[in-house]
Amino acid sequence: MRHIVQAMAILIDDLALSNDEKAFLMDQLRRPLDIDSLVNLAQDKEQAVEALCCVTDGY
């Protein structure tokens, strides 16, 4: 997972964002994932199951 965050940092550096905006994105990427919040964003049961499966399968 660490290599994914490092790759994202490189991509974020290339975006036209302020340093504060880039720092915010990096902070969000480093936070532990709140699975319940992710599933609650789903608009229907199929999306909720898909989100849960992706997270638990390591995607």
Protein backbone atom coordinates (compact mmCIF):
# COMPACT_ATOMS: atom_id res chain seq x y z
CA MET A 1 0.00 0.00 0.00
CA ARG A 2 2.88 2.34 0.73
CA HIS A 3 4.06 2.23 -2.89
CA ILE A 4 0.57 3.26 -4.02
CA VAL A 5 0.67 6.34 -1.78
CA GLN A 6 4.13 7.21 -3.11
CA ALA A 7 2.89 6.93 -6.70
CA MET A 8 -0.12 9.10 -5.83
CA ALA A 9 2.22 11.71 -4.32
CA ILE A 10 4.05 11.98 -7.63
CA LEU A 11 0.78 12.41 -9.51
CA ILE A 12 -0.53 14.95 -6.99
CA ASP A 13 2.66 17.00 -7.34
CA ASP A 14 1.85 17.43 -11.03
CA LEU A 15 -1.64 18.84 -10.35
CA ALA A 16 -2.31 22.58 -10.41
CA LEU A 17 -3.06 22.72 -6.68
CA SER A 18 -1.79 24.87 -3.85
CA ASN A 19 0.57 23.33 -1.31
CA ASP A 20 -2.27 23.27 1.23
CA GLU A 21 -4.52 21.39 -1.18
CA LYS A 22 -1.78 18.88 -1.96
CA ALA A 23 -1.10 18.40 1.75
CA PHE A 24 -4.81 17.80 2.36
CA LEU A 25 -4.93 15.10 -0.32
CA MET A 26 -1.84 13.38 1.05
CA ASP A 27 -3.27 13.48 4.58
CA GLN A 28 -6.47 11.86 3.32
CA LEU A 29 -4.53 9.12 1.53
CA ARG A 30 -2.59 8.28 4.68
CA ARG A 31 -5.68 8.02 6.90
CA PRO A 32 -7.09 4.60 7.72
CA LEU A 33 -10.07 3.77 5.53
CA ASP A 34 -13.44 4.01 7.25
CA ILE A 35 -15.25 1.13 5.54
CA ASP A 36 -18.62 1.96 7.10
CA SER A 37 -18.50 5.51 5.74
CA LEU A 38 -17.53 4.23 2.30
CA VAL A 39 -20.40 1.75 2.20
CA ASN A 40 -22.84 4.40 3.46
CA LEU A 41 -22.00 6.56 0.42
CA ALA A 42 -23.42 3.90 -1.88
CA GLN A 43 -26.65 4.81 -3.62
CA ASP A 44 -27.98 1.26 -3.59
CA LYS A 45 -27.20 -2.19 -2.21
CA GLU A 46 -25.24 -3.25 -5.31
CA GLN A 47 -22.85 -0.31 -4.94
CA ALA A 48 -22.45 -1.03 -1.24
CA VAL A 49 -21.55 -4.66 -1.90
CA GLU A 50 -19.17 -3.67 -4.71
CA ALA A 51 -17.41 -1.11 -2.49
CA LEU A 52 -17.10 -3.59 0.36
CA CYS A 53 -15.77 -6.32 -1.93
CA CYS A 54 -13.16 -3.99 -3.48
CA VAL A 55 -11.92 -2.90 -0.07
CA THR A 56 -11.74 -6.38 1.40
CA ASP A 57 -10.12 -7.81 -1.75
CA GLY A 58 -7.29 -5.29 -1.47
CA TYR A 59 -8.05 -3.10 -4.45
